Amino acid sequence: MAVRWRKDGSLVCAAMSDPETGDRYIDDGLHYQLSVVTKAIVADPRHKENGLWHWVERSEASEKKNP
């Protein structure tokens, strides 16, 4: 799934949101890299309701990548 990076810095699921002026579109390939390969973003615990994604803090991402 693709993600929209909002001007306010929030990340929202593109399939669950309408585009807004100033959005940056993150396609499926880059989303995969950010969420699966590098684990730089994670789905909100209530993602199915709100469609949000969150950036992971650098030290936290490092721990998830190299447990």
N, C-alpha and C. Protein backbone atom coordinates (compact mmCIF):
# COMPACT_ATOMS: atom_id res chain seq x y z
N MET A 1 0.82 -1.19 0.00
CA MET A 1 0.00 0.00 0.00
C MET A 1 0.87 1.25 0.00
N ALA A 2 0.44 2.23 -0.69
CA ALA A 2 1.14 3.51 -0.75
C ALA A 2 0.75 4.37 0.46
N VAL A 3 1.58 5.38 0.71
CA VAL A 3 1.39 6.27 1.85
C VAL A 3 1.44 7.71 1.37
N ARG A 4 0.68 8.57 2.03
CA ARG A 4 0.77 10.01 1.78
C ARG A 4 1.51 10.66 2.94
N TRP A 5 2.52 11.46 2.60
CA TRP A 5 3.27 12.20 3.62
C TRP A 5 2.70 13.61 3.60
N ARG A 6 1.98 13.97 4.64
CA ARG A 6 1.29 15.25 4.73
C ARG A 6 2.26 16.38 5.05
N LYS A 7 1.85 17.59 4.72
CA LYS A 7 2.67 18.78 5.01
C LYS A 7 2.94 18.92 6.50
N ASP A 8 2.03 18.42 7.33
CA ASP A 8 2.22 18.52 8.78
C ASP A 8 3.15 17.43 9.31
N GLY A 9 3.65 16.57 8.41
CA GLY A 9 4.58 15.51 8.80
C GLY A 9 3.94 14.16 9.06
N SER A 10 2.62 14.12 9.10
CA SER A 10 1.95 12.84 9.35
C SER A 10 2.03 11.95 8.11
N LEU A 11 1.96 10.66 8.36
CA LEU A 11 1.95 9.65 7.30
C LEU A 11 0.61 8.94 7.37
N VAL A 12 -0.11 8.91 6.25
CA VAL A 12 -1.43 8.27 6.21
C VAL A 12 -1.51 7.30 5.05
N CYS A 13 -2.24 6.25 5.24
CA CYS A 13 -2.46 5.25 4.20
C CYS A 13 -3.16 5.91 3.01
N ALA A 14 -2.59 5.77 1.84
CA ALA A 14 -3.16 6.41 0.65
C ALA A 14 -4.52 5.81 0.29
N ALA A 15 -4.71 4.54 0.55
CA ALA A 15 -5.98 3.89 0.23
C ALA A 15 -7.11 4.32 1.17
N MET A 16 -6.74 4.81 2.34
CA MET A 16 -7.74 5.19 3.34
C MET A 16 -7.92 6.70 3.47
N SER A 17 -7.28 7.46 2.59
CA SER A 17 -7.35 8.92 2.72
C SER A 17 -7.48 9.57 1.35
N ASP A 18 -8.02 10.76 1.36
CA ASP A 18 -8.10 11.55 0.13
C ASP A 18 -6.85 12.43 0.04
N PRO A 19 -6.39 12.69 -1.18
CA PRO A 19 -5.21 13.55 -1.33
C PRO A 19 -5.51 14.97 -0.87
N GLU A 20 -4.48 15.62 -0.31
CA GLU A 20 -4.56 17.02 0.09
C GLU A 20 -3.45 17.78 -0.61
N THR A 21 -3.64 19.06 -0.77
CA THR A 21 -2.62 19.91 -1.38
C THR A 21 -1.34 19.80 -0.56
N GLY A 22 -0.23 19.56 -1.25
CA GLY A 22 1.07 19.48 -0.59
C GLY A 22 1.49 18.08 -0.17
N ASP A 23 0.61 17.10 -0.34
CA ASP A 23 0.99 15.71 -0.02
C ASP A 23 2.16 15.27 -0.89
N ARG A 24 2.99 14.43 -0.32
CA ARG A 24 4.03 13.73 -1.08
C ARG A 24 3.62 12.27 -1.09
N TYR A 25 3.58 11.69 -2.27
CA TYR A 25 3.12 10.32 -2.44
C TYR A 25 4.29 9.36 -2.34
N ILE A 26 4.19 8.40 -1.45
CA ILE A 26 5.21 7.36 -1.29
C ILE A 26 4.62 6.09 -1.90
N ASP A 27 5.22 5.64 -2.99
CA ASP A 27 4.67 4.49 -3.71
C ASP A 27 4.92 3.17 -2.97
N ASP A 28 4.33 2.11 -3.50
CA ASP A 28 4.41 0.79 -2.86
C ASP A 28 5.84 0.33 -2.62
N GLY A 29 6.72 0.55 -3.60
CA GLY A 29 8.10 0.09 -3.48
C GLY A 29 8.85 0.77 -2.36
N LEU A 30 8.73 2.09 -2.28
CA LEU A 30 9.41 2.83 -1.22
C LEU A 30 8.76 2.53 0.14
N HIS A 31 7.45 2.39 0.15
CA HIS A 31 6.75 2.04 1.39
C HIS A 31 7.27 0.70 1.92
N TYR A 32 7.47 -0.27 1.03
CA TYR A 32 8.01 -1.57 1.43
C TYR A 32 9.41 -1.39 2.05
N GLN A 33 10.23 -0.59 1.41
CA GLN A 33 11.59 -0.34 1.94
C GLN A 33 11.52 0.29 3.33
N LEU A 34 10.64 1.26 3.50
CA LEU A 34 10.53 1.97 4.77
C LEU A 34 9.92 1.13 5.88
N SER A 35 8.95 0.28 5.55
CA SER A 35 8.25 -0.46 6.59
C SER A 35 8.80 -1.86 6.84
N VAL A 36 9.26 -2.53 5.80
CA VAL A 36 9.71 -3.92 5.95
C VAL A 36 11.23 -4.04 6.02
N VAL A 37 11.91 -3.44 5.06
CA VAL A 37 13.36 -3.60 4.97
C VAL A 37 14.08 -2.83 6.07
N THR A 38 13.83 -1.53 6.18
CA THR A 38 14.55 -0.71 7.16
C THR A 38 13.79 -0.52 8.46
N LYS A 39 12.49 -0.84 8.45
CA LYS A 39 11.64 -0.67 9.63
C LYS A 39 11.68 0.77 10.15
N ALA A 40 11.73 1.72 9.23
CA ALA A 40 11.77 3.14 9.60
C ALA A 40 10.39 3.68 9.93
N ILE A 41 9.34 3.03 9.42
CA ILE A 41 7.98 3.42 9.76
C ILE A 41 7.20 2.19 10.22
N VAL A 42 6.25 2.42 11.12
CA VAL A 42 5.41 1.33 11.63
C VAL A 42 3.96 1.79 11.61
N ALA A 43 3.07 0.83 11.44
CA ALA A 43 1.64 1.13 11.46
C ALA A 43 1.20 1.47 12.87
N ASP A 44 0.29 2.41 12.97
CA ASP A 44 -0.32 2.77 14.24
C ASP A 44 -1.07 1.56 14.78
N PRO A 45 -1.11 1.37 16.09
CA PRO A 45 -1.86 0.23 16.65
C PRO A 45 -3.32 0.21 16.19
N ARG A 46 -3.89 1.38 15.88
CA ARG A 46 -5.27 1.47 15.42
C ARG A 46 -5.32 1.77 13.91
N HIS A 47 -4.33 1.29 13.19
CA HIS A 47 -4.20 1.58 11.76
C HIS A 47 -5.46 1.26 10.96
N LYS A 48 -6.13 0.18 11.28
CA LYS A 48 -7.33 -0.21 10.53
C LYS A 48 -8.44 0.83 10.65
N GLU A 49 -8.43 1.59 11.75
CA GLU A 49 -9.43 2.65 11.93
C GLU A 49 -8.94 4.01 11.43
N ASN A 50 -7.65 4.35 11.70
CA ASN A 50 -7.17 5.70 11.40
C ASN A 50 -6.22 5.80 10.21
N GLY A 51 -5.67 4.70 9.73
CA GLY A 51 -4.79 4.71 8.57
C GLY A 51 -3.44 5.36 8.79
N LEU A 52 -3.04 5.56 10.05
CA LEU A 52 -1.79 6.26 10.33
C LEU A 52 -0.56 5.34 10.35
N TRP A 53 0.55 5.93 9.96
CA TRP A 53 1.88 5.32 10.08
C TRP A 53 2.73 6.29 10.89
N HIS A 54 3.77 5.77 11.54
CA HIS A 54 4.64 6.62 12.37
C HIS A 54 6.11 6.33 12.06
N TRP A 55 6.90 7.40 12.08
CA TRP A 55 8.35 7.25 11.97
C TRP A 55 8.86 6.62 13.26
N VAL A 56 9.83 5.74 13.15
CA VAL A 56 10.44 5.10 14.31
C VAL A 56 11.70 5.87 14.65
N GLU A 57 11.93 6.08 15.94
CA GLU A 57 13.16 6.76 16.38
C GLU A 57 14.37 5.95 15.92
N ARG A 58 15.44 6.62 15.61
CA ARG A 58 16.64 5.96 15.06
C ARG A 58 17.11 4.79 15.91
N SER A 59 17.26 4.97 17.22
CA SER A 59 17.75 3.88 18.07
C SER A 59 16.75 2.72 18.11
N GLU A 60 15.47 3.03 18.09
CA GLU A 60 14.43 2.01 18.08
C GLU A 60 14.46 1.22 16.78
N ALA A 61 14.66 1.91 15.65
CA ALA A 61 14.72 1.24 14.36
C ALA A 61 15.93 0.31 14.29
N SER A 62 17.04 0.74 14.86
CA SER A 62 18.24 -0.08 14.86
C SER A 62 18.01 -1.36 15.64
N GLU A 63 17.32 -1.26 16.78
CA GLU A 63 17.04 -2.44 17.59
C GLU A 63 16.11 -3.41 16.86
N LYS A 64 15.12 -2.89 16.14
CA LYS A 64 14.18 -3.75 15.41
C LYS A 64 14.86 -4.43 14.23
N LYS A 65 15.82 -3.73 13.61
CA LYS A 65 16.50 -4.30 12.45
C LYS A 65 17.52 -5.37 12.88
N ASN A 66 18.14 -5.16 14.03
CA ASN A 66 19.17 -6.08 14.52
C ASN A 66 18.83 -6.55 15.95
N PRO A 67 17.82 -7.38 16.10
CA PRO A 67 17.41 -7.81 17.45
C PRO A 67 18.47 -8.65 18.14
